[in-house]
Amino acid sequence: MTKKDLINAVQAEYGDLTKKKVGEVLGATFDAIARALKDEGRFAVPGFGVLTVKTRASRTGRNPRSGDSIEIPESKTVGFKLAPDFRNSLNG
C-alpha cells in the first residue's frame, strides 16, 4: 500500500473529509511519530505495535566493486515489534 492508497482508503471511510485534508492529517501524524522517536526513542500504538530507535554498532564491511575493507560508522535505525493480538490476527 502506498501513501496515496492510504489516503484514498481513509477518505473512502470518512467521506466528509477531502483527500487533501486526509493527506495533511496523515502528514501531521507521521511528523508527530518521527518527533516522538527522535525525542523519546519510542512510539507505541496499543493493539498494533511499538516503534523503537535502535543503534547499529560500527563494523567493517567490504566495497563490492573493489573488495577493499571499509569502516561502516555507527548508525540509528527504527525497529518495530508487533503487538501480540495483531501478530495472532495475522497468523489465524
PDB file of N, CA and C in Angstrom:
ATOM      1  N   MET A   1       0.848  -1.177   0.000  1.00  0.00           N
ATOM      2  CA  MET A   1       0.000   0.000   0.000  1.00  0.00           C
ATOM      3  C   MET A   1       0.892   1.237   0.000  1.00  0.00           C
ATOM      4  N   THR A   2       0.567   2.177  -0.832  1.00  0.00           N
ATOM      5  CA  THR A   2       1.309   3.435  -0.891  1.00  0.00           C
ATOM      6  C   THR A   2       0.591   4.494  -0.060  1.00  0.00           C
ATOM      7  N   LYS A   3       1.240   5.627   0.120  1.00  0.00           N
ATOM      8  CA  LYS A   3       0.610   6.725   0.860  1.00  0.00           C
ATOM      9  C   LYS A   3      -0.672   7.164   0.151  1.00  0.00           C
ATOM     10  N   LYS A   4      -0.633   7.193  -1.168  1.00  0.00           N
ATOM     11  CA  LYS A   4      -1.817   7.577  -1.942  1.00  0.00           C
ATOM     12  C   LYS A   4      -2.963   6.589  -1.693  1.00  0.00           C
ATOM     13  N   ASP A   5      -2.646   5.290  -1.662  1.00  0.00           N
ATOM     14  CA  ASP A   5      -3.657   4.273  -1.373  1.00  0.00           C
ATOM     15  C   ASP A   5      -4.239   4.459   0.027  1.00  0.00           C
ATOM     16  N   LEU A   6      -3.384   4.777   0.985  1.00  0.00           N
ATOM     17  CA  LEU A   6      -3.838   5.008   2.360  1.00  0.00           C
ATOM     18  C   LEU A   6      -4.766   6.215   2.427  1.00  0.00           C
ATOM     19  N   ILE A   7      -4.392   7.286   1.750  1.00  0.00           N
ATOM     20  CA  ILE A   7      -5.238   8.485   1.707  1.00  0.00           C
ATOM     21  C   ILE A   7      -6.601   8.141   1.103  1.00  0.00           C
ATOM     22  N   ASN A   8      -6.613   7.391   0.008  1.00  0.00           N
ATOM     23  CA  ASN A   8      -7.868   7.003  -0.626  1.00  0.00           C
ATOM     24  C   ASN A   8      -8.729   6.133   0.288  1.00  0.00           C
ATOM     25  N   ALA A   9      -8.089   5.197   1.013  1.00  0.00           N
ATOM     26  CA  ALA A   9      -8.825   4.309   1.908  1.00  0.00           C
ATOM     27  C   ALA A   9      -9.451   5.091   3.064  1.00  0.00           C
ATOM     28  N   VAL A  10      -8.697   6.013   3.651  1.00  0.00           N
ATOM     29  CA  VAL A  10      -9.224   6.816   4.755  1.00  0.00           C
ATOM     30  C   VAL A  10     -10.327   7.738   4.251  1.00  0.00           C
ATOM     31  N   GLN A  11     -10.128   8.329   3.102  1.00  0.00           N
ATOM     32  CA  GLN A  11     -11.128   9.240   2.544  1.00  0.00           C
ATOM     33  C   GLN A  11     -12.418   8.484   2.218  1.00  0.00           C
ATOM     34  N   ALA A  12     -12.307   7.247   1.758  1.00  0.00           N
ATOM     35  CA  ALA A  12     -13.499   6.440   1.457  1.00  0.00           C
ATOM     36  C   ALA A  12     -14.274   6.126   2.738  1.00  0.00           C
ATOM     37  N   GLU A  13     -13.541   5.938   3.828  1.00  0.00           N
ATOM     38  CA  GLU A  13     -14.174   5.640   5.119  1.00  0.00           C
ATOM     39  C   GLU A  13     -14.832   6.883   5.718  1.00  0.00           C
ATOM     40  N   TYR A  14     -14.183   8.023   5.559  1.00  0.00           N
ATOM     41  CA  TYR A  14     -14.672   9.297   6.105  1.00  0.00           C
ATOM     42  C   TYR A  14     -14.910  10.266   4.953  1.00  0.00           C
ATOM     43  N   GLY A  15     -15.974  10.074   4.237  1.00  0.00           N
ATOM     44  CA  GLY A  15     -16.275  10.839   3.035  1.00  0.00           C
ATOM     45  C   GLY A  15     -16.442  12.329   3.247  1.00  0.00           C
ATOM     46  N   ASP A  16     -16.634  12.753   4.500  1.00  0.00           N
ATOM     47  CA  ASP A  16     -16.785  14.179   4.750  1.00  0.00           C
ATOM     48  C   ASP A  16     -15.447  14.921   4.723  1.00  0.00           C
ATOM     49  N   LEU A  17     -14.336  14.184   4.640  1.00  0.00           N
ATOM     50  CA  LEU A  17     -13.006  14.788   4.544  1.00  0.00           C
ATOM     51  C   LEU A  17     -12.516  14.706   3.098  1.00  0.00           C
ATOM     52  N   THR A  18     -11.858  15.764   2.645  1.00  0.00           N
ATOM     53  CA  THR A  18     -11.287  15.742   1.298  1.00  0.00           C
ATOM     54  C   THR A  18      -9.974  14.957   1.327  1.00  0.00           C
ATOM     55  N   LYS A  19      -9.545  14.507   0.154  1.00  0.00           N
ATOM     56  CA  LYS A  19      -8.265  13.799   0.068  1.00  0.00           C
ATOM     57  C   LYS A  19      -7.125  14.708   0.511  1.00  0.00           C
ATOM     58  N   LYS A  20      -7.228  15.985   0.194  1.00  0.00           N
ATOM     59  CA  LYS A  20      -6.189  16.934   0.598  1.00  0.00           C
ATOM     60  C   LYS A  20      -6.104  17.014   2.115  1.00  0.00           C
ATOM     61  N   LYS A  21      -7.256  17.088   2.788  1.00  0.00           N
ATOM     62  CA  LYS A  21      -7.279  17.182   4.246  1.00  0.00           C
ATOM     63  C   LYS A  21      -6.757  15.890   4.878  1.00  0.00           C
ATOM     64  N   VAL A  22      -7.157  14.744   4.324  1.00  0.00           N
ATOM     65  CA  VAL A  22      -6.672  13.460   4.823  1.00  0.00           C
ATOM     66  C   VAL A  22      -5.144  13.395   4.674  1.00  0.00           C
ATOM     67  N   GLY A  23      -4.624  13.846   3.542  1.00  0.00           N
ATOM     68  CA  GLY A  23      -3.179  13.877   3.322  1.00  0.00           C
ATOM     69  C   GLY A  23      -2.468  14.754   4.339  1.00  0.00           C
ATOM     70  N   GLU A  24      -3.064  15.911   4.663  1.00  0.00           N
ATOM     71  CA  GLU A  24      -2.484  16.802   5.667  1.00  0.00           C
ATOM     72  C   GLU A  24      -2.479  16.150   7.049  1.00  0.00           C
ATOM     73  N   VAL A  25      -3.579  15.473   7.393  1.00  0.00           N
ATOM     74  CA  VAL A  25      -3.670  14.802   8.694  1.00  0.00           C
ATOM     75  C   VAL A  25      -2.648  13.666   8.780  1.00  0.00           C
ATOM     76  N   LEU A  26      -2.534  12.863   7.717  1.00  0.00           N
ATOM     77  CA  LEU A  26      -1.551  11.781   7.721  1.00  0.00           C
ATOM     78  C   LEU A  26      -0.130  12.334   7.812  1.00  0.00           C
ATOM     79  N   GLY A  27       0.145  13.414   7.093  1.00  0.00           N
ATOM     80  CA  GLY A  27       1.465  14.041   7.171  1.00  0.00           C
ATOM     81  C   GLY A  27       1.778  14.505   8.581  1.00  0.00           C
ATOM     82  N   ALA A  28       0.794  15.135   9.239  1.00  0.00           N
ATOM     83  CA  ALA A  28       0.983  15.597  10.616  1.00  0.00           C
ATOM     84  C   ALA A  28       1.176  14.408  11.558  1.00  0.00           C
ATOM     85  N   THR A  29       0.467  13.315  11.292  1.00  0.00           N
ATOM     86  CA  THR A  29       0.605  12.112  12.119  1.00  0.00           C
ATOM     87  C   THR A  29       2.009  11.542  12.007  1.00  0.00           C
ATOM     88  N   PHE A  30       2.500  11.400  10.788  1.00  0.00           N
ATOM     89  CA  PHE A  30       3.841  10.861  10.591  1.00  0.00           C
ATOM     90  C   PHE A  30       4.904  11.789  11.169  1.00  0.00           C
ATOM     91  N   ASP A  31       4.694  13.095  11.084  1.00  0.00           N
ATOM     92  CA  ASP A  31       5.626  14.055  11.692  1.00  0.00           C
ATOM     93  C   ASP A  31       5.658  13.890  13.203  1.00  0.00           C
ATOM     94  N   ALA A  32       4.484  13.701  13.821  1.00  0.00           N
ATOM     95  CA  ALA A  32       4.409  13.519  15.270  1.00  0.00           C
ATOM     96  C   ALA A  32       5.105  12.228  15.696  1.00  0.00           C
ATOM     97  N   ILE A  33       4.942  11.166  14.914  1.00  0.00           N
ATOM     98  CA  ILE A  33       5.617   9.902  15.209  1.00  0.00           C
ATOM     99  C   ILE A  33       7.131  10.079  15.122  1.00  0.00           C
ATOM    100  N   ALA A  34       7.598  10.761  14.076  1.00  0.00           N
ATOM    101  CA  ALA A  34       9.042  10.993  13.904  1.00  0.00           C
ATOM    102  C   ALA A  34       9.600  11.814  15.066  1.00  0.00           C
ATOM    103  N   ARG A  35       8.853  12.837  15.497  1.00  0.00           N
ATOM    104  CA  ARG A  35       9.304  13.654  16.643  1.00  0.00           C
ATOM    105  C   ARG A  35       9.377  12.819  17.908  1.00  0.00           C
ATOM    106  N   ALA A  36       8.374  11.969  18.139  1.00  0.00           N
ATOM    107  CA  ALA A  36       8.373  11.113  19.325  1.00  0.00           C
ATOM    108  C   ALA A  36       9.562  10.165  19.317  1.00  0.00           C
ATOM    109  N   LEU A  37       9.873   9.599  18.161  1.00  0.00           N
ATOM    110  CA  LEU A  37      11.029   8.711  18.069  1.00  0.00           C
ATOM    111  C   LEU A  37      12.322   9.463  18.337  1.00  0.00           C
ATOM    112  N   LYS A  38      12.411  10.668  17.797  1.00  0.00           N
ATOM    113  CA  LYS A  38      13.624  11.461  17.995  1.00  0.00           C
ATOM    114  C   LYS A  38      13.778  11.898  19.451  1.00  0.00           C
ATOM    115  N   ASP A  39      12.684  12.349  20.059  1.00  0.00           N
ATOM    116  CA  ASP A  39      12.743  12.878  21.416  1.00  0.00           C
ATOM    117  C   ASP A  39      12.742  11.800  22.494  1.00  0.00           C
ATOM    118  N   GLU A  40      11.912  10.775  22.314  1.00  0.00           N
ATOM    119  CA  GLU A  40      11.722   9.769  23.359  1.00  0.00           C
ATOM    120  C   GLU A  40      12.307   8.405  23.018  1.00  0.00           C
ATOM    121  N   GLY A  41      12.598   8.163  21.735  1.00  0.00           N
ATOM    122  CA  GLY A  41      13.173   6.889  21.321  1.00  0.00           C
ATOM    123  C   GLY A  41      12.164   5.763  21.207  1.00  0.00           C
ATOM    124  N   ARG A  42      10.869   6.082  21.360  1.00  0.00           N
ATOM    125  CA  ARG A  42       9.850   5.035  21.373  1.00  0.00           C
ATOM    126  C   ARG A  42       8.502   5.631  20.986  1.00  0.00           C
ATOM    127  N   PHE A  43       7.694   4.838  20.257  1.00  0.00           N
ATOM    128  CA  PHE A  43       6.328   5.234  19.933  1.00  0.00           C
ATOM    129  C   PHE A  43       5.481   3.974  19.938  1.00  0.00           C
ATOM    130  N   ALA A  44       4.473   3.933  20.810  1.00  0.00           N
ATOM    131  CA  ALA A  44       3.644   2.743  20.960  1.00  0.00           C
ATOM    132  C   ALA A  44       2.217   3.018  20.524  1.00  0.00           C
ATOM    133  N   VAL A  45       1.640   2.060  19.808  1.00  0.00           N
ATOM    134  CA  VAL A  45       0.235   2.088  19.441  1.00  0.00           C
ATOM    135  C   VAL A  45      -0.379   0.813  20.005  1.00  0.00           C
ATOM    136  N   PRO A  46      -1.147   0.914  21.100  1.00  0.00           N
ATOM    137  CA  PRO A  46      -1.731  -0.288  21.693  1.00  0.00           C
ATOM    138  C   PRO A  46      -2.543  -1.078  20.669  1.00  0.00           C
ATOM    139  N   GLY A  47      -2.335  -2.381  20.676  1.00  0.00           N
ATOM    140  CA  GLY A  47      -3.036  -3.251  19.746  1.00  0.00           C
ATOM    141  C   GLY A  47      -2.387  -3.339  18.379  1.00  0.00           C
ATOM    142  N   PHE A  48      -1.380  -2.518  18.111  1.00  0.00           N
ATOM    143  CA  PHE A  48      -0.694  -2.527  16.814  1.00  0.00           C
ATOM    144  C   PHE A  48       0.777  -2.891  16.968  1.00  0.00           C
ATOM    145  N   GLY A  49       1.506  -2.126  17.778  1.00  0.00           N
ATOM    146  CA  GLY A  49       2.916  -2.425  17.984  1.00  0.00           C
ATOM    147  C   GLY A  49       3.688  -1.247  18.524  1.00  0.00           C
ATOM    148  N   VAL A  50       5.008  -1.430  18.610  1.00  0.00           N
ATOM    149  CA  VAL A  50       5.900  -0.418  19.167  1.00  0.00           C
ATOM    150  C   VAL A  50       7.054  -0.167  18.203  1.00  0.00           C
ATOM    151  N   LEU A  51       7.274   1.109  17.900  1.00  0.00           N
ATOM    152  CA  LEU A  51       8.444   1.534  17.128  1.00  0.00           C
ATOM    153  C   LEU A  51       9.497   2.000  18.127  1.00  0.00           C
ATOM    154  N   THR A  52      10.744   1.566  17.957  1.00  0.00           N
ATOM    155  CA  THR A  52      11.832   1.994  18.831  1.00  0.00           C
ATOM    156  C   THR A  52      13.056   2.349  17.999  1.00  0.00           C
ATOM    157  N   VAL A  53      13.835   3.285  18.509  1.00  0.00           N
ATOM    158  CA  VAL A  53      15.094   3.653  17.867  1.00  0.00           C
ATOM    159  C   VAL A  53      16.162   2.685  18.358  1.00  0.00           C
ATOM    160  N   LYS A  54      16.894   2.119  17.417  1.00  0.00           N
ATOM    161  CA  LYS A  54      17.980   1.193  17.746  1.00  0.00           C
ATOM    162  C   LYS A  54      19.278   1.728  17.167  1.00  0.00           C
ATOM    163  N   THR A  55      20.371   1.397  17.808  1.00  0.00           N
ATOM    164  CA  THR A  55      21.690   1.818  17.342  1.00  0.00           C
ATOM    165  C   THR A  55      22.420   0.615  16.769  1.00  0.00           C
ATOM    166  N   ARG A  56      22.879   0.770  15.530  1.00  0.00           N
ATOM    167  CA  ARG A  56      23.714  -0.259  14.913  1.00  0.00           C
ATOM    168  C   ARG A  56      25.163   0.070  15.223  1.00  0.00           C
ATOM    169  N   ALA A  57      25.890  -0.891  15.719  1.00  0.00           N
ATOM    170  CA  ALA A  57      27.296  -0.677  16.047  1.00  0.00           C
ATOM    171  C   ALA A  57      28.115  -0.479  14.764  1.00  0.00           C
ATOM    172  N   SER A  58      29.242   0.217  14.901  1.00  0.00           N
ATOM    173  CA  SER A  58      30.130   0.362  13.747  1.00  0.00           C
ATOM    174  C   SER A  58      30.710  -1.013  13.421  1.00  0.00           C
ATOM    175  N   ARG A  59      31.034  -1.212  12.161  1.00  0.00           N
ATOM    176  CA  ARG A  59      31.535  -2.511  11.739  1.00  0.00           C
ATOM    177  C   ARG A  59      32.399  -2.367  10.493  1.00  0.00           C
ATOM    178  N   THR A  60      33.101  -3.420  10.173  1.00  0.00           N
ATOM    179  CA  THR A  60      33.911  -3.448   8.965  1.00  0.00           C
ATOM    180  C   THR A  60      33.109  -4.114   7.863  1.00  0.00           C
ATOM    181  N   GLY A  61      33.089  -3.472   6.701  1.00  0.00           N
ATOM    182  CA  GLY A  61      32.380  -4.013   5.554  1.00  0.00           C
ATOM    183  C   GLY A  61      33.314  -4.110   4.365  1.00  0.00           C
ATOM    184  N   ARG A  62      32.780  -4.470   3.231  1.00  0.00           N
ATOM    185  CA  ARG A  62      33.569  -4.580   2.009  1.00  0.00           C
ATOM    186  C   ARG A  62      32.918  -3.771   0.904  1.00  0.00           C
ATOM    187  N   ASN A  63      33.771  -3.073   0.150  1.00  0.00           N
ATOM    188  CA  ASN A  63      33.307  -2.378  -1.045  1.00  0.00           C
ATOM    189  C   ASN A  63      33.058  -3.452  -2.106  1.00  0.00           C
ATOM    190  N   PRO A  64      31.808  -3.569  -2.601  1.00  0.00           N
ATOM    191  CA  PRO A  64      31.521  -4.651  -3.549  1.00  0.00           C
ATOM    192  C   PRO A  64      32.264  -4.529  -4.880  1.00  0.00           C
ATOM    193  N   ARG A  65      32.644  -3.338  -5.270  1.00  0.00           N
ATOM    194  CA  ARG A  65      33.359  -3.160  -6.546  1.00  0.00           C
ATOM    195  C   ARG A  65      34.820  -3.529  -6.440  1.00  0.00           C
ATOM    196  N   SER A  66      35.470  -3.009  -5.380  1.00  0.00           N
ATOM    197  CA  SER A  66      36.920  -3.210  -5.281  1.00  0.00           C
ATOM    198  C   SER A  66      37.311  -4.325  -4.320  1.00  0.00           C
ATOM    199  N   GLY A  67      36.400  -4.697  -3.402  1.00  0.00           N
ATOM    200  CA  GLY A  67      36.734  -5.715  -2.411  1.00  0.00           C
ATOM    201  C   GLY A  67      37.497  -5.161  -1.227  1.00  0.00           C
ATOM    202  N   ASP A  68      37.784  -3.833  -1.233  1.00  0.00           N
ATOM    203  CA  ASP A  68      38.513  -3.227  -0.127  1.00  0.00           C
ATOM    204  C   ASP A  68      37.666  -3.194   1.137  1.00  0.00           C
ATOM    205  N   SER A  69      38.344  -3.302   2.288  1.00  0.00           N
ATOM    206  CA  SER A  69      37.654  -3.173   3.570  1.00  0.00           C
ATOM    207  C   SER A  69      37.339  -1.702   3.826  1.00  0.00           C
ATOM    208  N   ILE A  70      36.150  -1.453   4.370  1.00  0.00           N
ATOM    209  CA  ILE A  70      35.770  -0.085   4.741  1.00  0.00           C
ATOM    210  C   ILE A  70      35.141  -0.127   6.130  1.00  0.00           C
ATOM    211  N   GLU A  71      35.278   0.960   6.848  1.00  0.00           N
ATOM    212  CA  GLU A  71      34.641   1.079   8.153  1.00  0.00           C
ATOM    213  C   GLU A  71      33.257   1.679   7.959  1.00  0.00           C
ATOM    214  N   ILE A  72      32.236   0.986   8.438  1.00  0.00           N
ATOM    215  CA  ILE A  72      30.874   1.492   8.389  1.00  0.00           C
ATOM    216  C   ILE A  72      30.589   2.079   9.770  1.00  0.00           C
ATOM    217  N   PRO A  73      30.282   3.383   9.839  1.00  0.00           N
ATOM    218  CA  PRO A  73      30.107   4.014  11.149  1.00  0.00           C
ATOM    219  C   PRO A  73      28.811   3.579  11.845  1.00  0.00           C
ATOM    220  N   GLU A  74      28.767   3.821  13.141  1.00  0.00           N
ATOM    221  CA  GLU A  74      27.561   3.574  13.925  1.00  0.00           C
ATOM    222  C   GLU A  74      26.406   4.369  13.333  1.00  0.00           C
ATOM    223  N   SER A  75      25.211   3.795  13.341  1.00  0.00           N
ATOM    224  CA  SER A  75      24.050   4.497  12.789  1.00  0.00           C
ATOM    225  C   SER A  75      22.801   4.156  13.586  1.00  0.00           C
ATOM    226  N   LYS A  76      21.781   4.957  13.409  1.00  0.00           N
ATOM    227  CA  LYS A  76      20.490   4.747  14.068  1.00  0.00           C
ATOM    228  C   LYS A  76      19.511   4.170  13.055  1.00  0.00           C
ATOM    229  N   THR A  77      18.619   3.322  13.523  1.00  0.00           N
ATOM    230  CA  THR A  77      17.569   2.762  12.698  1.00  0.00           C
ATOM    231  C   THR A  77      16.319   2.608  13.561  1.00  0.00           C
ATOM    232  N   VAL A  78      15.212   2.271  12.949  1.00  0.00           N
ATOM    233  CA  VAL A  78      13.964   2.090  13.686  1.00  0.00           C
ATOM    234  C   VAL A  78      13.559   0.631  13.610  1.00  0.00           C
ATOM    235  N   GLY A  79      13.242   0.067  14.768  1.00  0.00           N
ATOM    236  CA  GLY A  79      12.753  -1.294  14.838  1.00  0.00           C
ATOM    237  C   GLY A  79      11.264  -1.292  15.145  1.00  0.00           C
ATOM    238  N   PHE A  80      10.584  -2.358  14.769  1.00  0.00           N
ATOM    239  CA  PHE A  80       9.151  -2.474  15.020  1.00  0.00           C
ATOM    240  C   PHE A  80       8.850  -3.829  15.608  1.00  0.00           C
ATOM    241  N   LYS A  81       8.082  -3.836  16.687  1.00  0.00           N
ATOM    242  CA  LYS A  81       7.653  -5.086  17.302  1.00  0.00           C
ATOM    243  C   LYS A  81       6.133  -5.096  17.314  1.00  0.00           C
ATOM    244  N   LEU A  82       5.547  -6.125  16.716  1.00  0.00           N
ATOM    245  CA  LEU A  82       4.097  -6.255  16.652  1.00  0.00           C
ATOM    246  C   LEU A  82       3.508  -6.514  18.029  1.00  0.00           C
ATOM    247  N   ALA A  83       2.320  -5.975  18.261  1.00  0.00           N
ATOM    248  CA  ALA A  83       1.571  -6.307  19.463  1.00  0.00           C
ATOM    249  C   ALA A  83       1.097  -7.757  19.340  1.00  0.00           C
ATOM    250  N   PRO A  84       1.040  -8.489  20.448  1.00  0.00           N
ATOM    251  CA  PRO A  84       0.650  -9.903  20.376  1.00  0.00           C
ATOM    252  C   PRO A  84      -0.698 -10.137  19.694  1.00  0.00           C
ATOM    253  N   ASP A  85      -1.701  -9.316  19.998  1.00  0.00           N
ATOM    254  CA  ASP A  85      -3.018  -9.507  19.387  1.00  0.00           C
ATOM    255  C   ASP A  85      -2.960  -9.332  17.873  1.00  0.00           C
ATOM    256  N   PHE A  86      -2.209  -8.345  17.426  1.00  0.00           N
ATOM    257  CA  PHE A  86      -2.084  -8.100  15.986  1.00  0.00           C
ATOM    258  C   PHE A  86      -1.339  -9.254  15.317  1.00  0.00           C
ATOM    259  N   ARG A  87      -0.260  -9.718  15.953  1.00  0.00           N
ATOM    260  CA  ARG A  87       0.517 -10.837  15.408  1.00  0.00           C
ATOM    261  C   ARG A  87      -0.377 -12.071  15.273  1.00  0.00           C
ATOM    262  N   ASN A  88      -1.194 -12.338  16.304  1.00  0.00           N
ATOM    263  CA  ASN A  88      -2.074 -13.512  16.265  1.00  0.00           C
ATOM    264  C   ASN A  88      -3.133 -13.373  15.166  1.00  0.00           C
ATOM    265  N   SER A  89      -3.608 -12.163  14.912  1.00  0.00           N
ATOM    266  CA  SER A  89      -4.611 -11.967  13.865  1.00  0.00           C
ATOM    267  C   SER A  89      -4.025 -12.232  12.482  1.00  0.00           C
ATOM    268  N   LEU A  90      -2.737 -12.024  12.318  1.00  0.00           N
ATOM    269  CA  LEU A  90      -2.090 -12.313  11.031  1.00  0.00           C
ATOM    270  C   LEU A  90      -1.914 -13.803  10.802  1.00  0.00           C
ATOM    271  N   ASN A  91      -1.719 -14.529  11.877  1.00  0.00           N
ATOM    272  CA  ASN A  91      -1.468 -15.970  11.774  1.00  0.00           C
ATOM    273  C   ASN A  91      -2.741 -16.799  11.667  1.00  0.00           C
ATOM    274  N   GLY A  92      -3.846 -16.248  12.011  1.00  0.00           N
ATOM    275  CA  GLY A  92      -5.026 -17.099  12.043  1.00  0.00           C
ATOM    276  C   GLY A  92      -6.168 -16.513  11.405  1.00  0.00           C
TER     277      GLY A  92
END
